[in-house]
Amino acid sequence: MTKPETFSSSVIALALLGLASSLAAPCLAEPKIDDDKEFAALQADAKKSFKDGVAPFVKTYCTNCHGSKKRKGGLNFEAALKKPGNTTSRRQWKQAVANVKAHDMPPDDEDLSLIHI
């Protein structure tokens, strides 16, 4: 039996948190009336991607240390998962992405070997 290939935890976390950050940020341009349907479809797709991809990852690998019971580094992702686009959540996602880019997260001893892309 061969071991499935895995990516480094930093690459995976960075990719998912980057996606979360981009999905959580509101669109700064106001949609035109003609574009309302397209805008609504894009917004629905972004919410579905966040709900189906980012939220389960963060719940599985992050909320044990960054949830309501523990708030390591002052981060509680449970609220950010419920309202990913609000101002406080955007700050948390940006801080999380910065921590991943700086290789502060995830910890080296964290077992993320089950992640497959």
C-alpha atoms as a PDB file:
ATOM      1  CA  MET A   1       0.000   0.000   0.000  1.00  0.00           C
ATOM      2  CA  THR A   2       1.461   3.361  -0.972  1.00  0.00           C
ATOM      3  CA  LYS A   3       1.078   6.508   1.053  1.00  0.00           C
ATOM      4  CA  PRO A   4      -0.966   9.196  -0.759  1.00  0.00           C
ATOM      5  CA  GLU A   5       0.915  12.357  -1.626  1.00  0.00           C
ATOM      6  CA  THR A   6       0.326  15.287   0.683  1.00  0.00           C
ATOM      7  CA  PHE A   7       1.253  18.909   0.374  1.00  0.00           C
ATOM      8  CA  SER A   8       3.051  20.761   3.125  1.00  0.00           C
ATOM      9  CA  SER A   9       0.661  22.058   5.731  1.00  0.00           C
ATOM     10  CA  SER A  10       1.778  25.624   5.168  1.00  0.00           C
ATOM     11  CA  VAL A  11       0.897  25.523   1.480  1.00  0.00           C
ATOM     12  CA  ILE A  12      -2.525  24.048   2.164  1.00  0.00           C
ATOM     13  CA  ALA A  13      -3.318  26.406   5.001  1.00  0.00           C
ATOM     14  CA  LEU A  14      -2.153  29.393   2.994  1.00  0.00           C
ATOM     15  CA  ALA A  15      -4.270  28.410   0.017  1.00  0.00           C
ATOM     16  CA  LEU A  16      -7.396  27.853   2.086  1.00  0.00           C
ATOM     17  CA  LEU A  17      -6.984  30.945   4.214  1.00  0.00           C
ATOM     18  CA  GLY A  18      -6.275  33.001   1.115  1.00  0.00           C
ATOM     19  CA  LEU A  19      -9.470  31.692  -0.400  1.00  0.00           C
ATOM     20  CA  ALA A  20     -11.327  32.443   2.809  1.00  0.00           C
ATOM     21  CA  SER A  21      -9.974  35.962   2.846  1.00  0.00           C
ATOM     22  CA  SER A  22     -10.970  36.642  -0.732  1.00  0.00           C
ATOM     23  CA  LEU A  23     -14.419  35.152  -0.251  1.00  0.00           C
ATOM     24  CA  ALA A  24     -14.988  36.984   3.002  1.00  0.00           C
ATOM     25  CA  ALA A  25     -14.102  40.417   1.616  1.00  0.00           C
ATOM     26  CA  PRO A  26     -17.082  42.323   0.262  1.00  0.00           C
ATOM     27  CA  CYS A  27     -17.122  43.544  -3.287  1.00  0.00           C
ATOM     28  CA  LEU A  28     -16.286  47.253  -3.270  1.00  0.00           C
ATOM     29  CA  ALA A  29     -17.961  48.013  -6.590  1.00  0.00           C
ATOM     30  CA  GLU A  30     -21.690  48.495  -6.596  1.00  0.00           C
ATOM     31  CA  PRO A  31     -23.340  46.209  -9.126  1.00  0.00           C
ATOM     32  CA  LYS A  32     -25.343  47.814 -11.910  1.00  0.00           C
ATOM     33  CA  ILE A  33     -29.013  46.958 -12.155  1.00  0.00           C
ATOM     34  CA  ASP A  34     -28.305  44.864 -15.268  1.00  0.00           C
ATOM     35  CA  ASP A  35     -25.663  42.924 -13.400  1.00  0.00           C
ATOM     36  CA  ASP A  36     -27.765  42.102 -10.330  1.00  0.00           C
ATOM     37  CA  LYS A  37     -28.431  38.518 -11.386  1.00  0.00           C
ATOM     38  CA  GLU A  38     -24.787  37.876 -12.253  1.00  0.00           C
ATOM     39  CA  PHE A  39     -23.650  39.512  -9.008  1.00  0.00           C
ATOM     40  CA  ALA A  40     -26.118  37.422  -6.984  1.00  0.00           C
ATOM     41  CA  ALA A  41     -24.915  34.253  -8.723  1.00  0.00           C
ATOM     42  CA  LEU A  42     -21.255  35.099  -8.008  1.00  0.00           C
ATOM     43  CA  GLN A  43     -22.056  35.912  -4.407  1.00  0.00           C
ATOM     44  CA  ALA A  44     -23.954  32.644  -3.986  1.00  0.00           C
ATOM     45  CA  ASP A  45     -21.065  30.721  -5.536  1.00  0.00           C
ATOM     46  CA  ALA A  46     -18.567  32.401  -3.188  1.00  0.00           C
ATOM     47  CA  LYS A  47     -20.715  31.591  -0.155  1.00  0.00           C
ATOM     48  CA  LYS A  48     -21.093  27.968  -1.277  1.00  0.00           C
ATOM     49  CA  SER A  49     -17.327  27.630  -1.837  1.00  0.00           C
ATOM     50  CA  PHE A  50     -16.644  29.056   1.607  1.00  0.00           C
ATOM     51  CA  LYS A  51     -19.252  26.834   3.252  1.00  0.00           C
ATOM     52  CA  ASP A  52     -18.180  23.652   1.442  1.00  0.00           C
ATOM     53  CA  GLY A  53     -14.405  24.132   1.328  1.00  0.00           C
ATOM     54  CA  VAL A  54     -12.977  26.628   3.770  1.00  0.00           C
ATOM     55  CA  ALA A  55     -15.319  26.257   6.742  1.00  0.00           C
ATOM     56  CA  PRO A  56     -14.897  22.456   7.123  1.00  0.00           C
ATOM     57  CA  PHE A  57     -11.097  22.791   6.891  1.00  0.00           C
ATOM     58  CA  VAL A  58     -10.956  25.544   9.509  1.00  0.00           C
ATOM     59  CA  LYS A  59     -13.371  23.667  11.798  1.00  0.00           C
ATOM     60  CA  THR A  60     -11.276  20.501  11.548  1.00  0.00           C
ATOM     61  CA  TYR A  61      -7.778  21.934  11.825  1.00  0.00           C
ATOM     62  CA  CYS A  62      -8.034  25.355  13.486  1.00  0.00           C
ATOM     63  CA  THR A  63     -10.910  25.702  15.972  1.00  0.00           C
ATOM     64  CA  ASN A  64      -9.438  23.325  18.561  1.00  0.00           C
ATOM     65  CA  CYS A  65      -6.879  26.033  19.344  1.00  0.00           C
ATOM     66  CA  HIS A  66      -8.676  29.057  17.873  1.00  0.00           C
ATOM     67  CA  GLY A  67     -12.279  28.611  18.983  1.00  0.00           C
ATOM     68  CA  SER A  68     -14.560  29.555  21.840  1.00  0.00           C
ATOM     69  CA  LYS A  69     -12.811  27.271  24.351  1.00  0.00           C
ATOM     70  CA  LYS A  70      -9.262  28.275  23.417  1.00  0.00           C
ATOM     71  CA  ARG A  71      -8.266  31.561  21.816  1.00  0.00           C
ATOM     72  CA  LYS A  72      -4.579  31.087  21.122  1.00  0.00           C
ATOM     73  CA  GLY A  73      -3.128  34.254  19.652  1.00  0.00           C
ATOM     74  CA  GLY A  74      -6.425  36.005  20.360  1.00  0.00           C
ATOM     75  CA  LEU A  75      -8.119  34.279  17.423  1.00  0.00           C
ATOM     76  CA  ASN A  76     -11.562  32.716  17.623  1.00  0.00           C
ATOM     77  CA  PHE A  77     -12.588  31.435  14.212  1.00  0.00           C
ATOM     78  CA  GLU A  78     -16.040  30.278  15.283  1.00  0.00           C
ATOM     79  CA  ALA A  79     -17.524  33.765  14.895  1.00  0.00           C
ATOM     80  CA  ALA A  80     -15.573  34.308  11.666  1.00  0.00           C
ATOM     81  CA  LEU A  81     -17.040  31.103  10.257  1.00  0.00           C
ATOM     82  CA  LYS A  82     -20.574  32.283  11.010  1.00  0.00           C
ATOM     83  CA  LYS A  83     -20.108  35.768   9.497  1.00  0.00           C
ATOM     84  CA  PRO A  84     -17.039  35.608   7.237  1.00  0.00           C
ATOM     85  CA  GLY A  85     -17.611  39.001   5.611  1.00  0.00           C
ATOM     86  CA  ASN A  86     -18.012  41.269   8.624  1.00  0.00           C
ATOM     87  CA  THR A  87     -15.242  43.660   9.655  1.00  0.00           C
ATOM     88  CA  THR A  88     -13.994  41.652  12.644  1.00  0.00           C
ATOM     89  CA  SER A  89     -13.899  38.446  10.622  1.00  0.00           C
ATOM     90  CA  ARG A  90     -11.934  40.060   7.800  1.00  0.00           C
ATOM     91  CA  ARG A  91      -9.325  41.204  10.326  1.00  0.00           C
ATOM     92  CA  GLN A  92      -9.083  37.663  11.707  1.00  0.00           C
ATOM     93  CA  TRP A  93      -8.708  36.111   8.239  1.00  0.00           C
ATOM     94  CA  LYS A  94      -6.011  38.649   7.349  1.00  0.00           C
ATOM     95  CA  GLN A  95      -4.154  37.952  10.599  1.00  0.00           C
ATOM     96  CA  ALA A  96      -4.413  34.210   9.988  1.00  0.00           C
ATOM     97  CA  VAL A  97      -3.045  34.554   6.445  1.00  0.00           C
ATOM     98  CA  ALA A  98      -0.169  36.701   7.752  1.00  0.00           C
ATOM     99  CA  ASN A  99       0.626  34.043  10.385  1.00  0.00           C
ATOM    100  CA  VAL A 100       0.655  31.310   7.754  1.00  0.00           C
ATOM    101  CA  LYS A 101       2.868  33.365   5.421  1.00  0.00           C
ATOM    102  CA  ALA A 102       5.288  33.988   8.295  1.00  0.00           C
ATOM    103  CA  HIS A 103       5.332  30.217   8.971  1.00  0.00           C
ATOM    104  CA  ASP A 104       3.999  30.799  12.484  1.00  0.00           C
ATOM    105  CA  MET A 105       0.997  28.616  11.652  1.00  0.00           C
ATOM    106  CA  PRO A 106       0.228  25.831  11.501  1.00  0.00           C
ATOM    107  CA  PRO A 107       2.567  24.554  14.221  1.00  0.00           C
ATOM    108  CA  ASP A 108       5.279  22.183  13.058  1.00  0.00           C
ATOM    109  CA  ASP A 109       4.016  19.485  15.420  1.00  0.00           C
ATOM    110  CA  GLU A 110       0.466  19.644  14.047  1.00  0.00           C
ATOM    111  CA  ASP A 111      -0.460  16.470  12.161  1.00  0.00           C
ATOM    112  CA  LEU A 112      -1.972  17.613   8.892  1.00  0.00           C
ATOM    113  CA  SER A 113      -0.930  14.485   7.005  1.00  0.00           C
ATOM    114  CA  LEU A 114      -4.540  13.549   6.337  1.00  0.00           C
ATOM    115  CA  ILE A 115      -5.062  16.538   4.070  1.00  0.00           C
ATOM    116  CA  HIS A 116      -5.175  15.614   0.413  1.00  0.00           C
ATOM    117  CA  ILE A 117      -5.620  17.922  -2.510  1.00  0.00           C
END
